[in-house]
């Protein structure tokens, strides 16, 4: 009887471990909390808007430096969107819509997501070009980055998922550096 009970406990433990197993190598078996979920669910659309803004710079920016900053932002944030999407899927949580086109950005900023541009602001950016675009892009992206840093700091204070905490630290460091670069580009 004792052997059977021990075998049953071992089997149950193995099944539990297998259920918590991680096939994608992202560390999703580690514990997470509501702050981690909120961080990913809010940062995905936040990053998507930054990518959308960066894509506009490809054809509208006059300055090569602005185009370079935009390309760096897109290159950093696209993979982060994929990573956070993977976390949410592995946690069985809702993933924000990946298609930002036609989305009412005003709704998102009213939800308290710091730094999000309104639909009108995005329209103004899209309608500009040359040095006007450069000025508007840099000013808006600085505010956008400041919002992302605020969200990343909240995650670092309240989250528990190790990969999300590490990403939040990286977002804070990278975007702080990018803000400094953009502030320099704004100087006459």
Protein backbone atom coordinates (compact mmCIF):
# COMPACT_ATOMS: atom_id res chain seq x y z
CA UNK A 1 0.00 0.00 0.00
CA UNK A 2 2.77 2.42 0.93
CA UNK A 3 4.61 1.62 -2.36
CA UNK A 4 1.44 2.32 -4.32
CA UNK A 5 0.87 5.63 -2.51
CA UNK A 6 4.49 6.68 -3.08
CA UNK A 7 4.25 5.73 -6.75
CA UNK A 8 1.01 7.69 -7.08
CA UNK A 9 2.58 10.75 -5.45
CA UNK A 10 5.64 10.54 -7.70
CA UNK A 11 3.41 10.17 -10.77
CA UNK A 12 1.27 13.12 -9.69
CA UNK A 13 4.39 15.21 -9.10
CA UNK A 14 5.77 14.32 -12.52
CA UNK A 15 2.46 15.17 -14.19
CA UNK A 16 2.40 18.52 -12.38
CA UNK A 17 5.95 19.25 -13.47
CA UNK A 18 5.15 18.24 -17.04
CA UNK A 19 2.08 20.48 -17.06
CA UNK A 20 4.26 23.38 -15.90
CA UNK A 21 6.92 22.45 -18.40
CA UNK A 22 8.21 24.95 -20.87
CA UNK A 23 8.52 23.97 -24.51
CA UNK A 24 9.63 27.34 -25.87
CA UNK A 25 12.55 28.06 -23.57
CA UNK A 26 11.09 31.42 -22.45
CA UNK A 27 10.86 30.53 -18.77
CA UNK A 28 7.05 30.63 -18.80
CA UNK A 29 6.87 27.95 -16.11
CA UNK A 30 8.00 30.48 -13.51
CA UNK A 31 5.37 32.18 -11.38
CA UNK A 32 3.64 35.29 -12.60
CA UNK A 33 1.09 37.63 -11.10
CA UNK A 34 -1.54 40.16 -12.18
CA UNK A 35 1.09 42.90 -12.51
CA UNK A 36 3.00 40.76 -15.02
CA UNK A 37 -0.17 40.18 -17.05
CA UNK A 38 -1.07 43.88 -16.97
CA UNK A 39 2.48 44.82 -17.99
CA UNK A 40 2.41 42.57 -21.06
CA UNK A 41 -1.19 43.45 -22.02
CA UNK A 42 -0.47 47.18 -21.83
CA UNK A 43 3.06 47.18 -23.21
CA UNK A 44 2.09 45.28 -26.38
CA UNK A 45 -0.22 48.01 -27.75
CA UNK A 46 2.17 50.64 -26.40
CA UNK A 47 5.04 49.07 -28.37
CA UNK A 48 2.78 48.59 -31.40
CA UNK A 49 2.09 52.31 -31.50
CA UNK A 50 5.82 53.09 -31.23
CA UNK A 51 6.48 50.70 -34.13
CA UNK A 52 3.71 52.37 -36.13
CA UNK A 53 5.31 55.77 -35.47
CA UNK A 54 8.75 54.42 -36.41
CA UNK A 55 7.39 53.03 -39.69
CA UNK A 56 6.10 56.51 -40.58
CA UNK A 57 9.64 57.85 -40.18
CA UNK A 58 10.91 55.57 -42.97
CA UNK A 59 9.14 57.69 -45.61
CA UNK A 60 8.43 60.99 -43.85
CA UNK A 61 11.54 61.89 -41.85
CA UNK A 62 14.06 64.29 -43.33
CA UNK A 63 16.91 63.64 -40.90
CA UNK A 64 19.00 60.49 -41.26
CA UNK A 65 19.45 60.52 -37.47
CA UNK A 66 15.67 60.47 -36.95
CA UNK A 67 15.37 57.59 -39.42
CA UNK A 68 18.12 55.73 -37.52
CA UNK A 69 16.45 56.24 -34.13
CA UNK A 70 13.14 55.08 -35.60
CA UNK A 71 14.78 51.96 -37.09
CA UNK A 72 16.39 51.15 -33.73
CA UNK A 73 13.05 51.54 -31.95
CA UNK A 74 11.32 49.23 -34.44
CA UNK A 75 14.14 46.66 -34.26
CA UNK A 76 13.99 46.58 -30.45
CA UNK A 77 10.23 46.63 -29.95
CA UNK A 78 9.03 44.15 -32.61
CA UNK A 79 10.76 41.19 -30.87
CA UNK A 80 9.59 42.39 -27.46
CA UNK A 81 5.99 42.33 -28.72
CA UNK A 82 6.51 38.71 -29.83
CA UNK A 83 8.02 37.78 -26.46
CA UNK A 84 5.20 39.33 -24.43
CA UNK A 85 2.60 37.76 -26.74
CA UNK A 86 4.18 34.37 -26.03
CA UNK A 87 3.96 34.96 -22.28
CA UNK A 88 0.30 35.87 -22.42
CA UNK A 89 -0.51 32.85 -24.59
CA UNK A 90 1.39 30.51 -22.24
CA UNK A 91 -0.47 32.01 -19.26
CA UNK A 92 -3.86 31.60 -20.98
CA UNK A 93 -4.42 35.37 -20.92
CA UNK A 94 -5.92 37.64 -23.58
CA UNK A 95 -3.46 39.03 -26.12
CA UNK A 96 -4.16 42.58 -27.34
CA UNK A 97 -5.08 42.88 -31.02
CA UNK A 98 -1.94 42.89 -33.15
CA UNK A 99 -3.45 45.11 -35.85
CA UNK A 100 -3.10 48.74 -34.80
CA UNK A 101 -4.48 50.14 -38.07
CA UNK A 102 -7.75 51.92 -37.56
CA UNK A 103 -7.47 51.54 -33.80
CA UNK A 104 -8.75 54.42 -31.73
CA UNK A 105 -5.58 55.49 -29.98
CA UNK A 106 -7.59 57.99 -27.98
CA UNK A 107 -9.33 55.14 -26.17
CA UNK A 108 -6.00 53.68 -25.13
CA UNK A 109 -4.61 56.90 -23.71
CA UNK A 110 -7.85 57.42 -21.78
CA UNK A 111 -7.30 53.98 -20.20
CA UNK A 112 -4.34 55.48 -18.40
CA UNK A 113 -1.57 54.07 -20.56
CA UNK A 114 1.01 56.77 -20.14
CA UNK A 115 2.56 58.20 -23.25
CA UNK A 116 0.04 56.88 -25.75
CA UNK A 117 -0.74 59.24 -28.60
CA UNK A 118 -4.34 60.06 -29.41
CA UNK A 119 -5.85 59.28 -32.78
CA UNK A 120 -5.64 63.00 -33.63
CA UNK A 121 -1.94 63.17 -32.71
CA UNK A 122 -1.22 60.10 -34.81
CA UNK A 123 -3.11 61.69 -37.70
CA UNK A 124 -1.07 64.87 -37.35
CA UNK A 125 2.16 62.86 -37.37
CA UNK A 126 1.04 60.87 -40.40
CA UNK A 127 0.11 64.08 -42.20
CA UNK A 128 3.50 65.71 -41.69
CA UNK A 129 6.83 65.27 -43.44
CA UNK A 130 10.35 66.66 -43.55
CA UNK A 131 11.65 68.73 -40.65
CA UNK A 132 8.10 69.19 -39.31
CA UNK A 133 7.76 65.40 -39.05
CA UNK A 134 11.19 65.11 -37.41
CA UNK A 135 10.30 67.64 -34.71
CA UNK A 136 6.88 66.10 -34.08
CA UNK A 137 8.20 62.52 -34.10
CA UNK A 138 10.97 63.26 -31.61
CA UNK A 139 8.68 65.20 -29.25
CA UNK A 140 5.95 62.54 -29.38
CA UNK A 141 8.36 59.60 -29.07
CA UNK A 142 10.01 61.15 -26.01
CA UNK A 143 6.59 61.36 -24.32
CA UNK A 144 5.80 57.84 -25.52
CA UNK A 145 9.06 56.49 -24.10
CA UNK A 146 8.48 58.28 -20.79
CA UNK A 147 5.16 56.43 -20.56
CA UNK A 148 6.85 53.09 -21.28
CA UNK A 149 9.46 53.79 -18.61
CA UNK A 150 6.68 54.50 -16.10
CA UNK A 151 5.02 51.17 -17.00
CA UNK A 152 8.37 49.35 -16.75
CA UNK A 153 9.01 50.82 -13.31
CA UNK A 154 5.58 49.66 -12.14
CA UNK A 155 6.40 46.15 -13.37
CA UNK A 156 9.73 46.19 -11.54
CA UNK A 157 7.98 47.24 -8.32
CA UNK A 158 4.98 44.90 -8.53
CA UNK A 159 5.73 42.03 -10.92
CA UNK A 160 7.20 38.63 -10.12
CA UNK A 161 7.82 36.87 -13.47
CA UNK A 162 11.64 36.92 -13.87
CA UNK A 163 11.61 37.41 -17.66
CA UNK A 164 9.09 40.28 -17.40
CA UNK A 165 11.16 41.94 -14.69
CA UNK A 166 14.28 41.63 -16.85
CA UNK A 167 12.45 43.05 -19.88
CA UNK A 168 11.12 45.94 -17.78
CA UNK A 169 14.67 46.75 -16.66
CA UNK A 170 15.88 46.61 -20.26
CA UNK A 171 13.02 48.82 -21.48
CA UNK A 172 13.81 51.40 -18.80
CA UNK A 173 17.53 51.46 -19.64
CA UNK A 174 17.16 51.41 -23.43
CA UNK A 175 14.39 53.95 -23.64
CA UNK A 176 16.11 56.30 -21.18
CA UNK A 177 19.13 56.26 -23.48
CA UNK A 178 16.93 56.79 -26.56
CA UNK A 179 15.24 59.77 -24.85
CA UNK A 180 18.65 61.36 -24.32
CA UNK A 181 19.51 60.82 -28.00
CA UNK A 182 16.18 62.29 -29.14
CA UNK A 183 16.56 65.30 -26.83
CA UNK A 184 19.96 65.97 -28.41
CA UNK A 185 18.40 65.76 -31.88
CA UNK A 186 15.76 68.33 -30.87
CA UNK A 187 18.40 70.91 -29.96
CA UNK A 188 18.77 73.65 -32.61
